[in-house]
């Protein structure tokens, strides 16, 4: 019998999946580097974001509380 468990798609769960299975598709961003990028970006500021990380950076910035987020994906 096949069983599966569905989990909510939180930023942590999505990052863990891509980091374990498709490391290069998220730009090889580890949690410590993501935290460092978010530390240098002040919250509640306007943000222009160009990314190729399948929404990991965009989700992080939105959770952090940026206003006026403009995202450009390639």
C-alpha atoms as a PDB file:
ATOM      1  CA  UNK A   1       0.000   0.000   0.000  1.00  0.00           C
ATOM      2  CA  UNK A   2       1.300   3.439  -0.921  1.00  0.00           C
ATOM      3  CA  UNK A   3       1.065   6.225   1.648  1.00  0.00           C
ATOM      4  CA  UNK A   4       2.025   9.857   1.405  1.00  0.00           C
ATOM      5  CA  UNK A   5       1.964  12.848   3.653  1.00  0.00           C
ATOM      6  CA  UNK A   6       1.114  16.312   2.313  1.00  0.00           C
ATOM      7  CA  UNK A   7       2.845  19.252   3.962  1.00  0.00           C
ATOM      8  CA  UNK A   8       2.074  22.945   3.590  1.00  0.00           C
ATOM      9  CA  UNK A   9       4.259  24.748   1.069  1.00  0.00           C
ATOM     10  CA  UNK A  10       6.126  26.991   3.477  1.00  0.00           C
ATOM     11  CA  UNK A  11       9.298  28.771   2.430  1.00  0.00           C
ATOM     12  CA  UNK A  12      11.315  26.429   4.619  1.00  0.00           C
ATOM     13  CA  UNK A  13       9.774  23.293   3.072  1.00  0.00           C
ATOM     14  CA  UNK A  14      10.209  24.547  -0.493  1.00  0.00           C
ATOM     15  CA  UNK A  15      13.831  25.565   0.115  1.00  0.00           C
ATOM     16  CA  UNK A  16      14.648  22.240   1.773  1.00  0.00           C
ATOM     17  CA  UNK A  17      13.155  20.304  -1.164  1.00  0.00           C
ATOM     18  CA  UNK A  18      15.056  22.249  -3.821  1.00  0.00           C
ATOM     19  CA  UNK A  19      18.261  22.346  -1.765  1.00  0.00           C
ATOM     20  CA  UNK A  20      18.253  18.542  -1.408  1.00  0.00           C
ATOM     21  CA  UNK A  21      16.979  17.589  -4.881  1.00  0.00           C
ATOM     22  CA  UNK A  22      17.711  20.395  -7.352  1.00  0.00           C
ATOM     23  CA  UNK A  23      20.592  22.287  -5.762  1.00  0.00           C
ATOM     24  CA  UNK A  24      21.601  24.265  -8.844  1.00  0.00           C
ATOM     25  CA  UNK A  25      18.071  25.326  -9.813  1.00  0.00           C
ATOM     26  CA  UNK A  26      17.869  27.723  -6.843  1.00  0.00           C
ATOM     27  CA  UNK A  27      21.283  29.224  -7.464  1.00  0.00           C
ATOM     28  CA  UNK A  28      22.947  27.070  -4.790  1.00  0.00           C
ATOM     29  CA  UNK A  29      21.651  29.402  -2.055  1.00  0.00           C
ATOM     30  CA  UNK A  30      22.073  27.994   1.457  1.00  0.00           C
ATOM     31  CA  UNK A  31      20.027  29.262   4.408  1.00  0.00           C
ATOM     32  CA  UNK A  32      22.990  31.168   5.859  1.00  0.00           C
ATOM     33  CA  UNK A  33      23.564  33.072   2.590  1.00  0.00           C
ATOM     34  CA  UNK A  34      19.851  33.810   2.275  1.00  0.00           C
ATOM     35  CA  UNK A  35      19.873  35.178   5.819  1.00  0.00           C
ATOM     36  CA  UNK A  36      22.908  37.330   5.064  1.00  0.00           C
ATOM     37  CA  UNK A  37      21.197  38.812   2.000  1.00  0.00           C
ATOM     38  CA  UNK A  38      18.072  39.568   4.015  1.00  0.00           C
ATOM     39  CA  UNK A  39      20.123  41.062   6.841  1.00  0.00           C
ATOM     40  CA  UNK A  40      21.635  43.615   4.469  1.00  0.00           C
ATOM     41  CA  UNK A  41      18.236  44.495   2.978  1.00  0.00           C
ATOM     42  CA  UNK A  42      16.283  46.707   5.348  1.00  0.00           C
ATOM     43  CA  UNK A  43      12.652  45.716   5.914  1.00  0.00           C
ATOM     44  CA  UNK A  44       9.812  47.995   4.808  1.00  0.00           C
ATOM     45  CA  UNK A  45      11.783  49.445   1.908  1.00  0.00           C
ATOM     46  CA  UNK A  46      11.061  49.383  -1.799  1.00  0.00           C
ATOM     47  CA  UNK A  47      12.794  46.433  -3.421  1.00  0.00           C
ATOM     48  CA  UNK A  48      13.725  45.613  -7.012  1.00  0.00           C
ATOM     49  CA  UNK A  49      14.529  41.927  -7.270  1.00  0.00           C
ATOM     50  CA  UNK A  50      15.958  40.041 -10.246  1.00  0.00           C
ATOM     51  CA  UNK A  51      16.195  36.366  -9.463  1.00  0.00           C
ATOM     52  CA  UNK A  52      16.556  32.887 -10.884  1.00  0.00           C
ATOM     53  CA  UNK A  53      15.829  30.977  -7.696  1.00  0.00           C
ATOM     54  CA  UNK A  54      12.272  29.764  -8.348  1.00  0.00           C
ATOM     55  CA  UNK A  55      10.778  32.335  -5.982  1.00  0.00           C
ATOM     56  CA  UNK A  56      12.919  31.607  -2.924  1.00  0.00           C
ATOM     57  CA  UNK A  57      14.298  35.152  -2.732  1.00  0.00           C
ATOM     58  CA  UNK A  58      10.978  36.770  -3.625  1.00  0.00           C
ATOM     59  CA  UNK A  59       9.152  34.780  -0.945  1.00  0.00           C
ATOM     60  CA  UNK A  60      11.795  35.660   1.623  1.00  0.00           C
ATOM     61  CA  UNK A  61      11.591  39.366   0.867  1.00  0.00           C
ATOM     62  CA  UNK A  62       7.781  39.334   0.978  1.00  0.00           C
ATOM     63  CA  UNK A  63       7.737  37.463   4.295  1.00  0.00           C
ATOM     64  CA  UNK A  64      10.231  39.962   5.680  1.00  0.00           C
ATOM     65  CA  UNK A  65       7.795  42.801   4.925  1.00  0.00           C
ATOM     66  CA  UNK A  66       9.091  44.784   1.969  1.00  0.00           C
ATOM     67  CA  UNK A  67       6.762  47.213   0.228  1.00  0.00           C
ATOM     68  CA  UNK A  68       6.638  47.886  -3.483  1.00  0.00           C
ATOM     69  CA  UNK A  69       8.337  44.647  -4.505  1.00  0.00           C
ATOM     70  CA  UNK A  70       9.040  44.409  -8.211  1.00  0.00           C
ATOM     71  CA  UNK A  71      10.267  41.020  -9.384  1.00  0.00           C
ATOM     72  CA  UNK A  72      11.982  40.258 -12.679  1.00  0.00           C
ATOM     73  CA  UNK A  73      12.511  36.576 -13.507  1.00  0.00           C
ATOM     74  CA  UNK A  74      14.499  35.221 -16.422  1.00  0.00           C
END
